[in-house]
């Protein structure tokens, strides 16, 4: 199974789009009355939350990458000087 990194911004935006689609499907079925202009504030809010979540996830990934790189203090085998440089 392929492993991919978690992208919370895409999750938030996808859930907001699904919620809007559900609301407008309910409106089309006659169960609700939803104004068409509600799309703009909901999508803008979702885009803002997605941007914030993506930024936080980036900071967490960057911090974990720094801690992983500082743990390996030994020199790599290629820089030990025993190999010929071509």
PDB file of N, CA and C in Angstrom:
ATOM      1  N   UNK A   1       0.835  -1.177   0.000  1.00  0.00           N
ATOM      2  CA  UNK A   1       0.000   0.000   0.000  1.00  0.00           C
ATOM      3  C   UNK A   1       0.885   1.247   0.000  1.00  0.00           C
ATOM      4  N   UNK A   2       0.556   2.181  -0.850  1.00  0.00           N
ATOM      5  CA  UNK A   2       1.325   3.414  -0.930  1.00  0.00           C
ATOM      6  C   UNK A   2       1.000   4.312   0.255  1.00  0.00           C
ATOM      7  N   UNK A   3       2.013   4.935   0.795  1.00  0.00           N
ATOM      8  CA  UNK A   3       1.837   5.852   1.910  1.00  0.00           C
ATOM      9  C   UNK A   3       2.048   7.275   1.389  1.00  0.00           C
ATOM     10  N   UNK A   4       1.143   8.145   1.708  1.00  0.00           N
ATOM     11  CA  UNK A   4       1.275   9.538   1.292  1.00  0.00           C
ATOM     12  C   UNK A   4       1.143  10.433   2.511  1.00  0.00           C
ATOM     13  N   UNK A   5       1.608  11.654   2.354  1.00  0.00           N
ATOM     14  CA  UNK A   5       1.548  12.577   3.482  1.00  0.00           C
ATOM     15  C   UNK A   5       0.131  13.130   3.640  1.00  0.00           C
ATOM     16  N   UNK A   6      -0.221  13.403   4.871  1.00  0.00           N
ATOM     17  CA  UNK A   6      -1.546  13.918   5.195  1.00  0.00           C
ATOM     18  C   UNK A   6      -1.634  15.381   4.807  1.00  0.00           C
ATOM     19  N   UNK A   7      -2.663  15.750   4.092  1.00  0.00           N
ATOM     20  CA  UNK A   7      -2.868  17.131   3.668  1.00  0.00           C
ATOM     21  C   UNK A   7      -4.181  17.653   4.255  1.00  0.00           C
ATOM     22  N   UNK A   8      -4.096  18.295   5.433  1.00  0.00           N
ATOM     23  CA  UNK A   8      -5.327  18.727   6.103  1.00  0.00           C
ATOM     24  C   UNK A   8      -6.075  19.830   5.359  1.00  0.00           C
ATOM     25  N   UNK A   9      -5.374  20.650   4.616  1.00  0.00           N
ATOM     26  CA  UNK A   9      -6.040  21.719   3.875  1.00  0.00           C
ATOM     27  C   UNK A   9      -6.973  21.169   2.813  1.00  0.00           C
ATOM     28  N   UNK A  10      -6.524  20.143   2.128  1.00  0.00           N
ATOM     29  CA  UNK A  10      -7.374  19.525   1.110  1.00  0.00           C
ATOM     30  C   UNK A  10      -8.576  18.835   1.746  1.00  0.00           C
ATOM     31  N   UNK A  11      -8.373  18.262   2.912  1.00  0.00           N
ATOM     32  CA  UNK A  11      -9.476  17.618   3.626  1.00  0.00           C
ATOM     33  C   UNK A  11     -10.542  18.641   3.999  1.00  0.00           C
ATOM     34  N   UNK A  12     -10.132  19.766   4.549  1.00  0.00           N
ATOM     35  CA  UNK A  12     -11.079  20.804   4.963  1.00  0.00           C
ATOM     36  C   UNK A  12     -11.839  21.354   3.763  1.00  0.00           C
ATOM     37  N   UNK A  13     -11.138  21.636   2.689  1.00  0.00           N
ATOM     38  CA  UNK A  13     -11.779  22.180   1.505  1.00  0.00           C
ATOM     39  C   UNK A  13     -12.715  21.156   0.871  1.00  0.00           C
ATOM     40  N   UNK A  14     -12.316  19.899   0.860  1.00  0.00           N
ATOM     41  CA  UNK A  14     -13.182  18.864   0.311  1.00  0.00           C
ATOM     42  C   UNK A  14     -14.443  18.664   1.128  1.00  0.00           C
ATOM     43  N   UNK A  15     -14.311  18.701   2.455  1.00  0.00           N
ATOM     44  CA  UNK A  15     -15.494  18.569   3.306  1.00  0.00           C
ATOM     45  C   UNK A  15     -16.445  19.754   3.135  1.00  0.00           C
ATOM     46  N   UNK A  16     -15.894  20.943   2.968  1.00  0.00           N
ATOM     47  CA  UNK A  16     -16.743  22.118   2.755  1.00  0.00           C
ATOM     48  C   UNK A  16     -17.468  22.020   1.413  1.00  0.00           C
ATOM     49  N   UNK A  17     -16.777  21.550   0.388  1.00  0.00           N
ATOM     50  CA  UNK A  17     -17.418  21.396  -0.921  1.00  0.00           C
ATOM     51  C   UNK A  17     -18.513  20.329  -0.864  1.00  0.00           C
ATOM     52  N   UNK A  18     -18.250  19.241  -0.147  1.00  0.00           N
ATOM     53  CA  UNK A  18     -19.279  18.204   0.003  1.00  0.00           C
ATOM     54  C   UNK A  18     -20.478  18.717   0.792  1.00  0.00           C
ATOM     55  N   UNK A  19     -20.233  19.521   1.810  1.00  0.00           N
ATOM     56  CA  UNK A  19     -21.333  20.099   2.588  1.00  0.00           C
ATOM     57  C   UNK A  19     -22.179  21.027   1.721  1.00  0.00           C
ATOM     58  N   UNK A  20     -21.526  21.856   0.909  1.00  0.00           N
ATOM     59  CA  UNK A  20     -22.280  22.728   0.009  1.00  0.00           C
ATOM     60  C   UNK A  20     -23.074  21.929  -1.014  1.00  0.00           C
ATOM     61  N   UNK A  21     -22.469  20.880  -1.541  1.00  0.00           N
ATOM     62  CA  UNK A  21     -23.181  20.044  -2.503  1.00  0.00           C
ATOM     63  C   UNK A  21     -24.390  19.379  -1.849  1.00  0.00           C
ATOM     64  N   UNK A  22     -24.221  18.934  -0.616  1.00  0.00           N
ATOM     65  CA  UNK A  22     -25.352  18.341   0.107  1.00  0.00           C
ATOM     66  C   UNK A  22     -26.457  19.345   0.374  1.00  0.00           C
ATOM     67  N   UNK A  23     -26.070  20.567   0.744  1.00  0.00           N
ATOM     68  CA  UNK A  23     -27.073  21.606   0.979  1.00  0.00           C
ATOM     69  C   UNK A  23     -27.855  21.935  -0.286  1.00  0.00           C
ATOM     70  N   UNK A  24     -27.168  22.061  -1.394  1.00  0.00           N
ATOM     71  CA  UNK A  24     -27.862  22.395  -2.630  1.00  0.00           C
ATOM     72  C   UNK A  24     -28.644  21.210  -3.179  1.00  0.00           C
ATOM     73  N   UNK A  25     -28.214  19.983  -2.881  1.00  0.00           N
ATOM     74  CA  UNK A  25     -29.019  18.814  -3.246  1.00  0.00           C
ATOM     75  C   UNK A  25     -30.306  18.789  -2.424  1.00  0.00           C
ATOM     76  N   UNK A  26     -30.209  19.123  -1.140  1.00  0.00           N
ATOM     77  CA  UNK A  26     -31.406  19.198  -0.304  1.00  0.00           C
ATOM     78  C   UNK A  26     -32.325  20.334  -0.767  1.00  0.00           C
ATOM     79  N   UNK A  27     -31.720  21.427  -1.236  1.00  0.00           N
ATOM     80  CA  UNK A  27     -32.511  22.535  -1.767  1.00  0.00           C
ATOM     81  C   UNK A  27     -33.239  22.107  -3.042  1.00  0.00           C
ATOM     82  N   UNK A  28     -32.558  21.366  -3.889  1.00  0.00           N
ATOM     83  CA  UNK A  28     -33.180  20.893  -5.124  1.00  0.00           C
ATOM     84  C   UNK A  28     -34.297  19.896  -4.835  1.00  0.00           C
ATOM     85  N   UNK A  29     -34.149  19.121  -3.773  1.00  0.00           N
ATOM     86  CA  UNK A  29     -35.186  18.157  -3.415  1.00  0.00           C
ATOM     87  C   UNK A  29     -36.357  18.831  -2.706  1.00  0.00           C
ATOM     88  N   UNK A  30     -36.204  20.046  -2.266  1.00  0.00           N
ATOM     89  CA  UNK A  30     -37.273  20.771  -1.615  1.00  0.00           C
ATOM     90  C   UNK A  30     -37.261  20.647  -0.099  1.00  0.00           C
ATOM     91  N   UNK A  31     -36.230  20.045   0.466  1.00  0.00           N
ATOM     92  CA  UNK A  31     -36.163  19.872   1.915  1.00  0.00           C
ATOM     93  C   UNK A  31     -35.683  21.134   2.615  1.00  0.00           C
ATOM     94  N   UNK A  32     -34.867  21.923   1.954  1.00  0.00           N
ATOM     95  CA  UNK A  32     -34.310  23.152   2.531  1.00  0.00           C
ATOM     96  C   UNK A  32     -34.476  24.293   1.540  1.00  0.00           C
ATOM     97  N   UNK A  33     -34.257  25.484   2.038  1.00  0.00           N
ATOM     98  CA  UNK A  33     -34.215  26.652   1.172  1.00  0.00           C
ATOM     99  C   UNK A  33     -32.872  27.341   1.414  1.00  0.00           C
ATOM    100  N   UNK A  34     -31.964  27.185   0.449  1.00  0.00           N
ATOM    101  CA  UNK A  34     -30.611  27.729   0.569  1.00  0.00           C
ATOM    102  C   UNK A  34     -30.423  28.795  -0.503  1.00  0.00           C
ATOM    103  N   UNK A  35     -29.947  29.968  -0.085  1.00  0.00           N
ATOM    104  CA  UNK A  35     -29.682  31.044  -1.043  1.00  0.00           C
ATOM    105  C   UNK A  35     -28.409  30.737  -1.821  1.00  0.00           C
ATOM    106  N   UNK A  36     -28.391  31.095  -3.078  1.00  0.00           N
ATOM    107  CA  UNK A  36     -27.251  30.774  -3.933  1.00  0.00           C
ATOM    108  C   UNK A  36     -25.992  31.511  -3.500  1.00  0.00           C
ATOM    109  N   UNK A  37     -26.148  32.688  -2.904  1.00  0.00           N
ATOM    110  CA  UNK A  37     -24.982  33.485  -2.515  1.00  0.00           C
ATOM    111  C   UNK A  37     -24.309  32.984  -1.245  1.00  0.00           C
ATOM    112  N   UNK A  38     -24.826  31.939  -0.623  1.00  0.00           N
ATOM    113  CA  UNK A  38     -24.169  31.351   0.554  1.00  0.00           C
ATOM    114  C   UNK A  38     -22.880  30.617   0.175  1.00  0.00           C
ATOM    115  N   UNK A  39     -22.711  30.336  -1.097  1.00  0.00           N
ATOM    116  CA  UNK A  39     -21.504  29.644  -1.558  1.00  0.00           C
ATOM    117  C   UNK A  39     -20.267  30.496  -1.299  1.00  0.00           C
ATOM    118  N   UNK A  40     -20.366  31.780  -1.537  1.00  0.00           N
ATOM    119  CA  UNK A  40     -19.199  32.664  -1.458  1.00  0.00           C
ATOM    120  C   UNK A  40     -18.620  32.725  -0.043  1.00  0.00           C
ATOM    121  N   UNK A  41     -19.383  33.039   1.008  1.00  0.00           N
ATOM    122  CA  UNK A  41     -18.768  33.092   2.336  1.00  0.00           C
ATOM    123  C   UNK A  41     -18.316  31.726   2.850  1.00  0.00           C
ATOM    124  N   UNK A  42     -19.056  30.679   2.505  1.00  0.00           N
ATOM    125  CA  UNK A  42     -18.663  29.346   2.978  1.00  0.00           C
ATOM    126  C   UNK A  42     -17.358  28.920   2.318  1.00  0.00           C
ATOM    127  N   UNK A  43     -17.244  29.110   1.013  1.00  0.00           N
ATOM    128  CA  UNK A  43     -15.999  28.730   0.334  1.00  0.00           C
ATOM    129  C   UNK A  43     -14.825  29.617   0.741  1.00  0.00           C
ATOM    130  N   UNK A  44     -15.068  30.898   0.936  1.00  0.00           N
ATOM    131  CA  UNK A  44     -13.983  31.781   1.389  1.00  0.00           C
ATOM    132  C   UNK A  44     -13.517  31.399   2.787  1.00  0.00           C
ATOM    133  N   UNK A  45     -14.448  31.089   3.670  1.00  0.00           N
ATOM    134  CA  UNK A  45     -14.081  30.624   5.004  1.00  0.00           C
ATOM    135  C   UNK A  45     -13.326  29.302   4.957  1.00  0.00           C
ATOM    136  N   UNK A  46     -13.778  28.397   4.097  1.00  0.00           N
ATOM    137  CA  UNK A  46     -13.097  27.102   3.962  1.00  0.00           C
ATOM    138  C   UNK A  46     -11.696  27.278   3.377  1.00  0.00           C
ATOM    139  N   UNK A  47     -11.549  28.188   2.435  1.00  0.00           N
ATOM    140  CA  UNK A  47     -10.219  28.443   1.871  1.00  0.00           C
ATOM    141  C   UNK A  47      -9.284  29.019   2.926  1.00  0.00           C
ATOM    142  N   UNK A  48      -9.800  29.916   3.757  1.00  0.00           N
ATOM    143  CA  UNK A  48      -8.985  30.474   4.836  1.00  0.00           C
ATOM    144  C   UNK A  48      -8.572  29.412   5.843  1.00  0.00           C
ATOM    145  N   UNK A  49      -9.516  28.559   6.254  1.00  0.00           N
ATOM    146  CA  UNK A  49      -9.188  27.470   7.181  1.00  0.00           C
ATOM    147  C   UNK A  49      -8.222  26.475   6.554  1.00  0.00           C
ATOM    148  N   UNK A  50      -8.412  26.197   5.267  1.00  0.00           N
ATOM    149  CA  UNK A  50      -7.508  25.269   4.580  1.00  0.00           C
ATOM    150  C   UNK A  50      -6.098  25.842   4.505  1.00  0.00           C
ATOM    151  N   UNK A  51      -5.991  27.136   4.245  1.00  0.00           N
ATOM    152  CA  UNK A  51      -4.674  27.768   4.200  1.00  0.00           C
ATOM    153  C   UNK A  51      -4.004  27.726   5.568  1.00  0.00           C
ATOM    154  N   UNK A  52      -4.764  27.993   6.604  1.00  0.00           N
ATOM    155  CA  UNK A  52      -4.215  27.945   7.957  1.00  0.00           C
ATOM    156  C   UNK A  52      -3.773  26.528   8.327  1.00  0.00           C
ATOM    157  N   UNK A  53      -4.591  25.549   8.007  1.00  0.00           N
ATOM    158  CA  UNK A  53      -4.248  24.157   8.316  1.00  0.00           C
ATOM    159  C   UNK A  53      -3.020  23.709   7.524  1.00  0.00           C
ATOM    160  N   UNK A  54      -2.914  24.128   6.274  1.00  0.00           N
ATOM    161  CA  UNK A  54      -1.747  23.776   5.457  1.00  0.00           C
ATOM    162  C   UNK A  54      -0.489  24.419   6.015  1.00  0.00           C
ATOM    163  N   UNK A  55      -0.580  25.659   6.444  1.00  0.00           N
ATOM    164  CA  UNK A  55       0.569  26.360   7.017  1.00  0.00           C
ATOM    165  C   UNK A  55       1.035  25.688   8.301  1.00  0.00           C
ATOM    166  N   UNK A  56       0.085  25.319   9.164  1.00  0.00           N
ATOM    167  CA  UNK A  56       0.440  24.639  10.418  1.00  0.00           C
ATOM    168  C   UNK A  56       1.070  23.278  10.124  1.00  0.00           C
ATOM    169  N   UNK A  57       0.515  22.541   9.170  1.00  0.00           N
ATOM    170  CA  UNK A  57       1.081  21.235   8.813  1.00  0.00           C
ATOM    171  C   UNK A  57       2.493  21.394   8.252  1.00  0.00           C
ATOM    172  N   UNK A  58       2.719  22.448   7.475  1.00  0.00           N
ATOM    173  CA  UNK A  58       4.058  22.714   6.942  1.00  0.00           C
ATOM    174  C   UNK A  58       5.047  22.988   8.066  1.00  0.00           C
ATOM    175  N   UNK A  59       4.630  23.793   9.046  1.00  0.00           N
ATOM    176  CA  UNK A  59       5.516  24.090  10.172  1.00  0.00           C
ATOM    177  C   UNK A  59       5.834  22.836  10.984  1.00  0.00           C
ATOM    178  N   UNK A  60       4.850  21.976  11.159  1.00  0.00           N
ATOM    179  CA  UNK A  60       5.077  20.730  11.900  1.00  0.00           C
ATOM    180  C   UNK A  60       6.038  19.825  11.136  1.00  0.00           C
ATOM    181  N   UNK A  61       5.832  19.698   9.818  1.00  0.00           N
ATOM    182  CA  UNK A  61       6.737  18.861   9.009  1.00  0.00           C
ATOM    183  C   UNK A  61       8.152  19.419   9.023  1.00  0.00           C
ATOM    184  N   UNK A  62       8.282  20.747   8.937  1.00  0.00           N
ATOM    185  CA  UNK A  62       9.608  21.358   8.932  1.00  0.00           C
ATOM    186  C   UNK A  62      10.313  21.147  10.264  1.00  0.00           C
ATOM    187  N   UNK A  63       9.567  21.275  11.364  1.00  0.00           N
ATOM    188  CA  UNK A  63      10.156  21.067  12.689  1.00  0.00           C
ATOM    189  C   UNK A  63      10.593  19.617  12.866  1.00  0.00           C
ATOM    190  N   UNK A  64       9.777  18.670  12.405  1.00  0.00           N
ATOM    191  CA  UNK A  64      10.152  17.262  12.550  1.00  0.00           C
ATOM    192  C   UNK A  64      11.339  16.919  11.653  1.00  0.00           C
ATOM    193  N   UNK A  65      11.442  17.557  10.494  1.00  0.00           N
ATOM    194  CA  UNK A  65      12.585  17.313   9.617  1.00  0.00           C
ATOM    195  C   UNK A  65      13.866  17.859  10.244  1.00  0.00           C
ATOM    196  N   UNK A  66      13.761  18.997  10.915  1.00  0.00           N
ATOM    197  CA  UNK A  66      14.943  19.554  11.586  1.00  0.00           C
ATOM    198  C   UNK A  66      15.404  18.653  12.717  1.00  0.00           C
ATOM    199  N   UNK A  67      14.459  18.130  13.479  1.00  0.00           N
ATOM    200  CA  UNK A  67      14.854  17.278  14.601  1.00  0.00           C
ATOM    201  C   UNK A  67      15.445  15.965  14.102  1.00  0.00           C
ATOM    202  N   UNK A  68      14.930  15.459  12.974  1.00  0.00           N
ATOM    203  CA  UNK A  68      15.508  14.234  12.417  1.00  0.00           C
ATOM    204  C   UNK A  68      16.908  14.478  11.877  1.00  0.00           C
ATOM    205  N   UNK A  69      17.155  15.647  11.281  1.00  0.00           N
ATOM    206  CA  UNK A  69      18.474  15.906  10.711  1.00  0.00           C
ATOM    207  C   UNK A  69      19.507  16.185  11.803  1.00  0.00           C
ATOM    208  N   UNK A  70      19.085  16.727  12.938  1.00  0.00           N
ATOM    209  CA  UNK A  70      20.040  17.006  14.005  1.00  0.00           C
ATOM    210  C   UNK A  70      20.388  15.750  14.800  1.00  0.00           C
ATOM    211  N   UNK A  71      19.575  14.708  14.694  1.00  0.00           N
ATOM    212  CA  UNK A  71      19.856  13.467  15.408  1.00  0.00           C
ATOM    213  C   UNK A  71      21.007  12.707  14.779  1.00  0.00           C
ATOM    214  N   UNK A  72      21.186  12.804  13.475  1.00  0.00           N
ATOM    215  CA  UNK A  72      22.262  12.080  12.801  1.00  0.00           C
ATOM    216  C   UNK A  72      23.494  12.987  12.715  1.00  0.00           C
ATOM    217  N   UNK A  73      24.396  12.818  13.656  1.00  0.00           N
ATOM    218  CA  UNK A  73      25.569  13.683  13.709  1.00  0.00           C
ATOM    219  C   UNK A  73      26.794  13.040  13.079  1.00  0.00           C
ATOM    220  N   UNK A  74      26.747  11.760  12.781  1.00  0.00           N
ATOM    221  CA  UNK A  74      27.893  11.085  12.172  1.00  0.00           C
ATOM    222  C   UNK A  74      28.084  11.506  10.734  1.00  0.00           C
ATOM    223  N   UNK A  75      29.325  11.490  10.286  1.00  0.00           N
ATOM    224  CA  UNK A  75      29.634  11.862   8.898  1.00  0.00           C
ATOM    225  C   UNK A  75      29.248  10.709   7.986  1.00  0.00           C
ATOM    226  N   UNK A  76      28.733  11.017   6.804  1.00  0.00           N
ATOM    227  CA  UNK A  76      28.400   9.955   5.860  1.00  0.00           C
ATOM    228  C   UNK A  76      29.669   9.266   5.351  1.00  0.00           C
ATOM    229  N   UNK A  77      29.508   8.050   4.876  1.00  0.00           N
ATOM    230  CA  UNK A  77      30.664   7.253   4.454  1.00  0.00           C
ATOM    231  C   UNK A  77      31.395   7.897   3.283  1.00  0.00           C
ATOM    232  N   UNK A  78      30.688   8.626   2.417  1.00  0.00           N
ATOM    233  CA  UNK A  78      31.319   9.191   1.241  1.00  0.00           C
ATOM    234  C   UNK A  78      32.261  10.350   1.595  1.00  0.00           C
ATOM    235  N   UNK A  79      32.131  10.957   2.758  1.00  0.00           N
ATOM    236  CA  UNK A  79      32.986  12.088   3.091  1.00  0.00           C
ATOM    237  C   UNK A  79      34.151  11.677   4.006  1.00  0.00           C
ATOM    238  N   UNK A  80      34.361  10.397   4.175  1.00  0.00           N
ATOM    239  CA  UNK A  80      35.428   9.963   5.074  1.00  0.00           C
ATOM    240  C   UNK A  80      36.807  10.066   4.432  1.00  0.00           C
ATOM    241  N   UNK A  81      36.902  10.269   3.129  1.00  0.00           N
ATOM    242  CA  UNK A  81      38.167  10.447   2.466  1.00  0.00           C
ATOM    243  C   UNK A  81      38.771   9.169   1.934  1.00  0.00           C
ATOM    244  N   UNK A  82      38.148   8.038   2.134  1.00  0.00           N
ATOM    245  CA  UNK A  82      38.723   6.785   1.671  1.00  0.00           C
ATOM    246  C   UNK A  82      38.365   6.510   0.203  1.00  0.00           C
ATOM    247  N   UNK A  83      37.400   7.220  -0.350  1.00  0.00           N
ATOM    248  CA  UNK A  83      37.016   7.005  -1.744  1.00  0.00           C
ATOM    249  C   UNK A  83      37.723   8.003  -2.639  1.00  0.00           C
ATOM    250  N   UNK A  84      38.005   7.555  -3.835  1.00  0.00           N
ATOM    251  CA  UNK A  84      38.640   8.438  -4.815  1.00  0.00           C
ATOM    252  C   UNK A  84      37.583   9.371  -5.387  1.00  0.00           C
ATOM    253  N   UNK A  85      37.946  10.626  -5.567  1.00  0.00           N
ATOM    254  CA  UNK A  85      37.032  11.600  -6.144  1.00  0.00           C
ATOM    255  C   UNK A  85      37.286  11.636  -7.633  1.00  0.00           C
ATOM    256  N   UNK A  86      36.241  11.502  -8.393  1.00  0.00           N
ATOM    257  CA  UNK A  86      36.379  11.466  -9.868  1.00  0.00           C
ATOM    258  C   UNK A  86      35.865  12.714 -10.460  1.00  0.00           C
TER     259      UNK A  86
END
